[in-house]
Each structure stands twice: as structure tokens, then as C-alpha cells.
Amino acid sequence: LSDPSVNVIVGDAFIEIDKLLDGGQSYDAIIVDLPDPSHPDLNKLYSDHFYARLRLLLSGDGVMAVQSTSPFHAKKAFLSVGKTIRSAGFSSVEQYHQNIPSFGEWGWTIASKMGKSPSERLKALPSKLPVDDSWVTKGLMLAAFQFSALFFSELSEVEVNTLGSHQLYHYHHEAWSEKEGAID
């Protein structure tokens, strides 16, 4: 975070976007790491409106990655995030997952404004990644984009999360309540 090319902004993301849009800057990458949509007040940060405004902040070939909850524990919520980002006008939207020791199976959505999809960009990299890491490999990163054969089969039944709909909040609440035994 101390790299001079990194711009860290602390504030209400929904409000800060307007300031950034007024400033006319664009970004090559936007990383959205928000709490899960476990409260109705957070729902706006997962809406088509929010993602469309973030899209305006991206440079022409820019990408955005969004924490998208657990594809295992809250599948409809996970699918809704991807579908909502797609509805916001991104040219390519892909979802990926990884097992995180402190969270379990977790997922993200990555979208490009224009150009090649994020996985195509990754495939085009040399086998030896430009970042030296003892754990992450190109193959491991590409494998994160793989899901079971029928994983996306219910996508047509999942709603886009529009501003004020609280659809994603309901999907998330329903999934986690079922896991806790609160709903029959």
C-alpha cells in the first residue's frame, strides 16, 4: 500500500465515487473489498447503480474485482453479484473462487471494461509470473475460474440487485439463516 501508484481512499464508497467522477480521473484497477451484504444498508454497495458508476472510473482496458461472498454457502448471492455486475455494462464478467482457511470456500467477481476477459489476460502471461511467490502459480490462478458443470445452471432464476431492491441482502440472509438452522 505504500507504492506511490496506489491510491487509498477512506470514506463511504457510495459517496466517494461522486468525488472521483467529478475529478475526472480513471483507474486501471479497482478492488472492491466490502463486508458481505448482511445488512440492508450495505445492499446499495452491491447494486447495478454502484457498479455502473465504478465502471465509469475505469480506464478503457481497466478491470474491477469484487468480493462476492461464498459460492458454496450463499450460491444465489454469489451468482447475483456476477449477474448484477454484468448488467452494469462491463464487456466481460467472470467469477472465481478459492478456499480461504479462515473463511472456507470464497468467491469473487472480476470484470473488464473492454478488451479481453481477465482469464484470457491471465492465460496470455508467461508461465513464470512477474511476481515471485512460493504459493501462487499461473495454473492455480486459472483453476480458480473453474466450477462444477452445473454450477451456473440456476443463473436465469437469480435476480439482478438493483438500487433499493435489497435482493442480494435477501439471498445472503436466506442462505446464511438456513446454514444456522433459523429457516425450515
C-alpha atoms as a PDB file:
ATOM      1  CA  LEU A   1       0.000   0.000   0.000  1.00  0.00           C
ATOM      2  CA  SER A   2       2.990   2.322   0.226  1.00  0.00           C
ATOM      3  CA  ASP A   3       3.648   2.186  -3.537  1.00  0.00           C
ATOM      4  CA  PRO A   4       3.171   5.700  -4.972  1.00  0.00           C
ATOM      5  CA  SER A   5       0.946   4.327  -7.744  1.00  0.00           C
ATOM      6  CA  VAL A   6      -1.603   3.091  -5.174  1.00  0.00           C
ATOM      7  CA  ASN A   7      -4.394   5.479  -4.240  1.00  0.00           C
ATOM      8  CA  VAL A   8      -6.091   4.551  -0.958  1.00  0.00           C
ATOM      9  CA  ILE A   9      -9.292   6.450  -0.182  1.00  0.00           C
ATOM     10  CA  VAL A  10     -11.012   6.169   3.180  1.00  0.00           C
ATOM     11  CA  GLY A  11     -14.700   7.092   3.225  1.00  0.00           C
ATOM     12  CA  ASP A  12     -18.189   5.991   2.296  1.00  0.00           C
ATOM     13  CA  ALA A  13     -17.644   4.276  -1.054  1.00  0.00           C
ATOM     14  CA  PHE A  14     -21.089   5.226  -2.332  1.00  0.00           C
ATOM     15  CA  ILE A  15     -20.334   8.929  -1.787  1.00  0.00           C
ATOM     16  CA  GLU A  16     -16.632   8.875  -2.693  1.00  0.00           C
ATOM     17  CA  ILE A  17     -17.432   7.682  -6.229  1.00  0.00           C
ATOM     18  CA  ASP A  18     -19.111  11.016  -6.996  1.00  0.00           C
ATOM     19  CA  LYS A  19     -15.999  12.920  -5.877  1.00  0.00           C
ATOM     20  CA  LEU A  20     -13.798  10.703  -8.034  1.00  0.00           C
ATOM     21  CA  LEU A  21     -16.081  11.053 -11.053  1.00  0.00           C
ATOM     22  CA  ASP A  22     -16.072  14.844 -10.644  1.00  0.00           C
ATOM     23  CA  GLY A  23     -12.259  14.746 -10.553  1.00  0.00           C
ATOM     24  CA  GLY A  24     -12.132  13.113 -13.973  1.00  0.00           C
ATOM     25  CA  GLN A  25      -9.508  10.534 -13.034  1.00  0.00           C
ATOM     26  CA  SER A  26      -9.518   6.990 -14.320  1.00  0.00           C
ATOM     27  CA  TYR A  27      -8.076   3.837 -12.817  1.00  0.00           C
ATOM     28  CA  ASP A  28      -6.558   0.708 -14.339  1.00  0.00           C
ATOM     29  CA  ALA A  29      -7.812  -1.472 -11.490  1.00  0.00           C
ATOM     30  CA  ILE A  30     -10.444  -1.111  -8.791  1.00  0.00           C
ATOM     31  CA  ILE A  31     -10.581  -3.613  -5.936  1.00  0.00           C
ATOM     32  CA  VAL A  32     -13.878  -3.667  -4.037  1.00  0.00           C
ATOM     33  CA  ASP A  33     -13.492  -5.475  -0.726  1.00  0.00           C
ATOM     34  CA  LEU A  34     -16.646  -4.815   1.243  1.00  0.00           C
ATOM     35  CA  PRO A  35     -18.330  -6.642   4.096  1.00  0.00           C
ATOM     36  CA  ASP A  36     -20.846  -9.244   2.976  1.00  0.00           C
ATOM     37  CA  PRO A  37     -24.293  -7.804   2.161  1.00  0.00           C
ATOM     38  CA  SER A  38     -25.584  -8.948   5.555  1.00  0.00           C
ATOM     39  CA  HIS A  39     -27.448  -5.718   6.331  1.00  0.00           C
ATOM     40  CA  PRO A  40     -29.900  -3.778   4.142  1.00  0.00           C
ATOM     41  CA  ASP A  41     -27.709  -0.643   4.381  1.00  0.00           C
ATOM     42  CA  LEU A  42     -24.865  -2.447   2.591  1.00  0.00           C
ATOM     43  CA  ASN A  43     -27.066  -3.530  -0.302  1.00  0.00           C
ATOM     44  CA  LYS A  44     -26.519  -0.275  -2.249  1.00  0.00           C
ATOM     45  CA  LEU A  45     -22.790  -1.081  -2.445  1.00  0.00           C
ATOM     46  CA  TYR A  46     -23.654  -4.254  -4.369  1.00  0.00           C
ATOM     47  CA  SER A  47     -26.186  -2.631  -6.731  1.00  0.00           C
ATOM     48  CA  ASP A  48     -26.162  -2.230 -10.503  1.00  0.00           C
ATOM     49  CA  HIS A  49     -26.077   1.542  -9.928  1.00  0.00           C
ATOM     50  CA  PHE A  50     -22.906   1.317  -7.812  1.00  0.00           C
ATOM     51  CA  TYR A  51     -21.134  -0.958 -10.309  1.00  0.00           C
ATOM     52  CA  ALA A  52     -22.113   1.224 -13.284  1.00  0.00           C
ATOM     53  CA  ARG A  53     -20.566   4.234 -11.536  1.00  0.00           C
ATOM     54  CA  LEU A  54     -17.397   2.249 -10.795  1.00  0.00           C
ATOM     55  CA  ARG A  55     -17.262   1.256 -14.468  1.00  0.00           C
ATOM     56  CA  LEU A  56     -17.116   4.968 -15.362  1.00  0.00           C
ATOM     57  CA  LEU A  57     -13.994   5.296 -13.198  1.00  0.00           C
ATOM     58  CA  LEU A  58     -12.092   2.585 -15.083  1.00  0.00           C
ATOM     59  CA  SER A  59      -9.662   3.313 -17.883  1.00  0.00           C
ATOM     60  CA  GLY A  60     -10.556   1.763 -21.242  1.00  0.00           C
ATOM     61  CA  ASP A  61      -8.787  -1.518 -20.528  1.00  0.00           C
ATOM     62  CA  GLY A  62      -9.397  -1.415 -16.762  1.00  0.00           C
ATOM     63  CA  VAL A  63     -10.615  -4.224 -14.527  1.00  0.00           C
ATOM     64  CA  MET A  64     -12.593  -4.369 -11.310  1.00  0.00           C
ATOM     65  CA  ALA A  65     -12.585  -7.179  -8.747  1.00  0.00           C
ATOM     66  CA  VAL A  66     -15.342  -7.547  -6.157  1.00  0.00           C
ATOM     67  CA  GLN A  67     -15.577  -9.727  -3.046  1.00  0.00           C
ATOM     68  CA  SER A  68     -18.692 -11.781  -3.808  1.00  0.00           C
ATOM     69  CA  THR A  69     -19.404 -13.945  -0.717  1.00  0.00           C
ATOM     70  CA  SER A  70     -19.268 -17.740  -0.625  1.00  0.00           C
ATOM     71  CA  PRO A  71     -20.304 -19.653  -3.761  1.00  0.00           C
ATOM     72  CA  PHE A  72     -20.743 -22.691  -1.521  1.00  0.00           C
ATOM     73  CA  HIS A  73     -22.739 -21.267   1.407  1.00  0.00           C
ATOM     74  CA  ALA A  74     -24.585 -18.454  -0.408  1.00  0.00           C
ATOM     75  CA  LYS A  75     -24.740 -19.539  -4.040  1.00  0.00           C
ATOM     76  CA  LYS A  76     -27.653 -17.314  -5.116  1.00  0.00           C
ATOM     77  CA  ALA A  77     -25.982 -14.271  -3.533  1.00  0.00           C
ATOM     78  CA  PHE A  78     -22.710 -15.112  -5.310  1.00  0.00           C
ATOM     79  CA  LEU A  79     -24.486 -15.543  -8.654  1.00  0.00           C
ATOM     80  CA  SER A  80     -26.429 -12.323  -8.125  1.00  0.00           C
ATOM     81  CA  VAL A  81     -23.214 -10.312  -7.697  1.00  0.00           C
ATOM     82  CA  GLY A  82     -21.916 -11.581 -11.049  1.00  0.00           C
ATOM     83  CA  LYS A  83     -25.234 -11.036 -12.801  1.00  0.00           C
ATOM     84  CA  THR A  84     -25.539  -7.531 -11.318  1.00  0.00           C
ATOM     85  CA  ILE A  85     -22.048  -6.537 -12.473  1.00  0.00           C
ATOM     86  CA  ARG A  86     -22.843  -7.896 -15.937  1.00  0.00           C
ATOM     87  CA  SER A  87     -25.982  -5.727 -16.039  1.00  0.00           C
ATOM     88  CA  ALA A  88     -23.848  -2.641 -15.266  1.00  0.00           C
ATOM     89  CA  GLY A  89     -22.299  -2.725 -18.741  1.00  0.00           C
ATOM     90  CA  PHE A  90     -18.955  -4.495 -18.355  1.00  0.00           C
ATOM     91  CA  SER A  91     -17.768  -6.271 -21.503  1.00  0.00           C
ATOM     92  CA  SER A  92     -16.540  -9.341 -19.636  1.00  0.00           C
ATOM     93  CA  VAL A  93     -17.583 -10.666 -16.236  1.00  0.00           C
ATOM     94  CA  GLU A  94     -16.095 -13.812 -14.702  1.00  0.00           C
ATOM     95  CA  GLN A  95     -16.357 -15.371 -11.289  1.00  0.00           C
ATOM     96  CA  TYR A  96     -13.686 -17.278  -9.434  1.00  0.00           C
ATOM     97  CA  HIS A  97     -13.254 -18.997  -6.084  1.00  0.00           C
ATOM     98  CA  GLN A  98     -10.651 -20.276  -3.683  1.00  0.00           C
ATOM     99  CA  ASN A  99     -10.613 -21.979  -0.322  1.00  0.00           C
ATOM    100  CA  ILE A 100      -9.535 -19.476   2.323  1.00  0.00           C
ATOM    101  CA  PRO A 101      -8.521 -21.120   5.629  1.00  0.00           C
ATOM    102  CA  SER A 102     -10.348 -18.582   7.815  1.00  0.00           C
ATOM    103  CA  PHE A 103     -13.478 -18.337   5.592  1.00  0.00           C
ATOM    104  CA  GLY A 104     -13.824 -21.609   3.692  1.00  0.00           C
ATOM    105  CA  GLU A 105     -14.873 -21.607   0.044  1.00  0.00           C
ATOM    106  CA  TRP A 106     -14.997 -17.949  -1.025  1.00  0.00           C
ATOM    107  CA  GLY A 107     -15.679 -16.161  -4.278  1.00  0.00           C
ATOM    108  CA  TRP A 108     -15.001 -13.018  -6.224  1.00  0.00           C
ATOM    109  CA  THR A 109     -16.144 -11.440  -9.437  1.00  0.00           C
ATOM    110  CA  ILE A 110     -13.743  -9.800 -11.866  1.00  0.00           C
ATOM    111  CA  ALA A 111     -14.893  -7.656 -14.760  1.00  0.00           C
ATOM    112  CA  SER A 112     -13.166  -5.832 -17.588  1.00  0.00           C
ATOM    113  CA  LYS A 113     -14.495  -2.636 -19.071  1.00  0.00           C
ATOM    114  CA  MET A 114     -13.316  -3.523 -22.581  1.00  0.00           C
ATOM    115  CA  GLY A 115     -10.910  -5.896 -24.280  1.00  0.00           C
ATOM    116  CA  LYS A 116     -10.010  -9.417 -23.311  1.00  0.00           C
ATOM    117  CA  SER A 117     -11.554 -11.163 -20.342  1.00  0.00           C
ATOM    118  CA  PRO A 118      -9.478 -11.364 -17.159  1.00  0.00           C
ATOM    119  CA  SER A 119      -8.889 -15.121 -17.629  1.00  0.00           C
ATOM    120  CA  GLU A 120      -7.753 -14.572 -21.238  1.00  0.00           C
ATOM    121  CA  ARG A 121      -5.310 -11.934 -19.989  1.00  0.00           C
ATOM    122  CA  LEU A 122      -4.040 -14.382 -17.393  1.00  0.00           C
ATOM    123  CA  LYS A 123      -3.641 -17.143 -19.982  1.00  0.00           C
ATOM    124  CA  ALA A 124      -1.513 -14.786 -22.101  1.00  0.00           C
ATOM    125  CA  LEU A 125       1.034 -14.312 -19.294  1.00  0.00           C
ATOM    126  CA  PRO A 126       4.228 -16.361 -19.391  1.00  0.00           C
ATOM    127  CA  SER A 127       4.330 -19.484 -17.200  1.00  0.00           C
ATOM    128  CA  LYS A 128       6.687 -17.694 -14.835  1.00  0.00           C
ATOM    129  CA  LEU A 129       4.567 -14.961 -13.297  1.00  0.00           C
ATOM    130  CA  PRO A 130       6.040 -11.464 -12.943  1.00  0.00           C
ATOM    131  CA  VAL A 131       5.531 -11.688  -9.165  1.00  0.00           C
ATOM    132  CA  ASP A 132       7.728 -14.170  -7.337  1.00  0.00           C
ATOM    133  CA  ASP A 133       5.597 -16.186  -4.924  1.00  0.00           C
ATOM    134  CA  SER A 134       6.141 -19.613  -3.421  1.00  0.00           C
ATOM    135  CA  TRP A 135       2.427 -20.496  -3.481  1.00  0.00           C
ATOM    136  CA  VAL A 136       0.650 -18.815  -6.387  1.00  0.00           C
ATOM    137  CA  THR A 137       1.144 -20.226  -9.862  1.00  0.00           C
ATOM    138  CA  LYS A 138      -0.464 -19.415 -13.173  1.00  0.00           C
ATOM    139  CA  GLY A 139      -2.171 -22.819 -13.205  1.00  0.00           C
ATOM    140  CA  LEU A 140      -3.558 -22.348  -9.705  1.00  0.00           C
ATOM    141  CA  MET A 141      -4.949 -18.938 -10.651  1.00  0.00           C
ATOM    142  CA  LEU A 142      -6.570 -20.287 -13.814  1.00  0.00           C
ATOM    143  CA  ALA A 143      -8.077 -23.185 -11.856  1.00  0.00           C
ATOM    144  CA  ALA A 144      -9.889 -20.673  -9.639  1.00  0.00           C
ATOM    145  CA  PHE A 145     -12.158 -19.857 -12.609  1.00  0.00           C
ATOM    146  CA  GLN A 146     -13.393 -23.466 -12.801  1.00  0.00           C
ATOM    147  CA  PHE A 147     -16.718 -24.512 -11.272  1.00  0.00           C
ATOM    148  CA  SER A 148     -18.688 -27.742 -11.382  1.00  0.00           C
ATOM    149  CA  ALA A 149     -20.533 -28.488 -14.637  1.00  0.00           C
ATOM    150  CA  LEU A 150     -23.956 -27.399 -13.364  1.00  0.00           C
ATOM    151  CA  PHE A 151     -22.873 -24.589 -11.044  1.00  0.00           C
ATOM    152  CA  PHE A 152     -24.335 -21.776 -13.187  1.00  0.00           C
ATOM    153  CA  SER A 153     -27.480 -23.717 -14.217  1.00  0.00           C
ATOM    154  CA  GLU A 154     -29.718 -21.659 -11.883  1.00  0.00           C
ATOM    155  CA  LEU A 155     -28.403 -18.301 -13.103  1.00  0.00           C
ATOM    156  CA  SER A 156     -31.582 -17.463 -15.037  1.00  0.00           C
ATOM    157  CA  GLU A 157     -33.577 -17.736 -11.791  1.00  0.00           C
ATOM    158  CA  VAL A 158     -31.339 -15.272  -9.929  1.00  0.00           C
ATOM    159  CA  GLU A 159     -32.252 -11.563  -9.880  1.00  0.00           C
ATOM    160  CA  VAL A 160     -30.045  -8.560 -10.540  1.00  0.00           C
ATOM    161  CA  ASN A 161     -29.584  -6.458  -7.409  1.00  0.00           C
ATOM    162  CA  THR A 162     -30.949  -3.018  -8.244  1.00  0.00           C
ATOM    163  CA  LEU A 163     -30.640   0.039  -6.040  1.00  0.00           C
ATOM    164  CA  GLY A 164     -33.307  -0.228  -3.348  1.00  0.00           C
ATOM    165  CA  SER A 165     -34.369  -3.786  -4.181  1.00  0.00           C
ATOM    166  CA  HIS A 166     -32.449  -5.461  -1.343  1.00  0.00           C
ATOM    167  CA  GLN A 167     -32.461  -8.602  -3.491  1.00  0.00           C
ATOM    168  CA  LEU A 168     -28.869  -9.511  -2.698  1.00  0.00           C
ATOM    169  CA  TYR A 169     -29.420  -8.904   1.002  1.00  0.00           C
ATOM    170  CA  HIS A 170     -32.373 -11.324   0.887  1.00  0.00           C
ATOM    171  CA  TYR A 171     -30.346 -14.004  -0.946  1.00  0.00           C
ATOM    172  CA  HIS A 172     -27.488 -13.638   1.518  1.00  0.00           C
ATOM    173  CA  HIS A 173     -29.742 -13.602   4.595  1.00  0.00           C
ATOM    174  CA  GLU A 174     -31.711 -16.624   3.402  1.00  0.00           C
ATOM    175  CA  ALA A 175     -28.582 -18.663   2.699  1.00  0.00           C
ATOM    176  CA  TRP A 176     -26.815 -17.944   5.956  1.00  0.00           C
ATOM    177  CA  SER A 177     -30.025 -18.321   8.003  1.00  0.00           C
ATOM    178  CA  GLU A 178     -30.542 -21.790   6.502  1.00  0.00           C
ATOM    179  CA  LYS A 179     -26.977 -22.703   7.468  1.00  0.00           C
ATOM    180  CA  GLU A 180     -27.689 -21.642  11.057  1.00  0.00           C
ATOM    181  CA  GLY A 181     -30.995 -23.546  11.157  1.00  0.00           C
ATOM    182  CA  ALA A 182     -33.143 -20.426  11.502  1.00  0.00           C
ATOM    183  CA  ILE A 183     -35.278 -21.212   8.451  1.00  0.00           C
ATOM    184  CA  ASP A 184     -37.049 -24.526   7.775  1.00  0.00           C
END
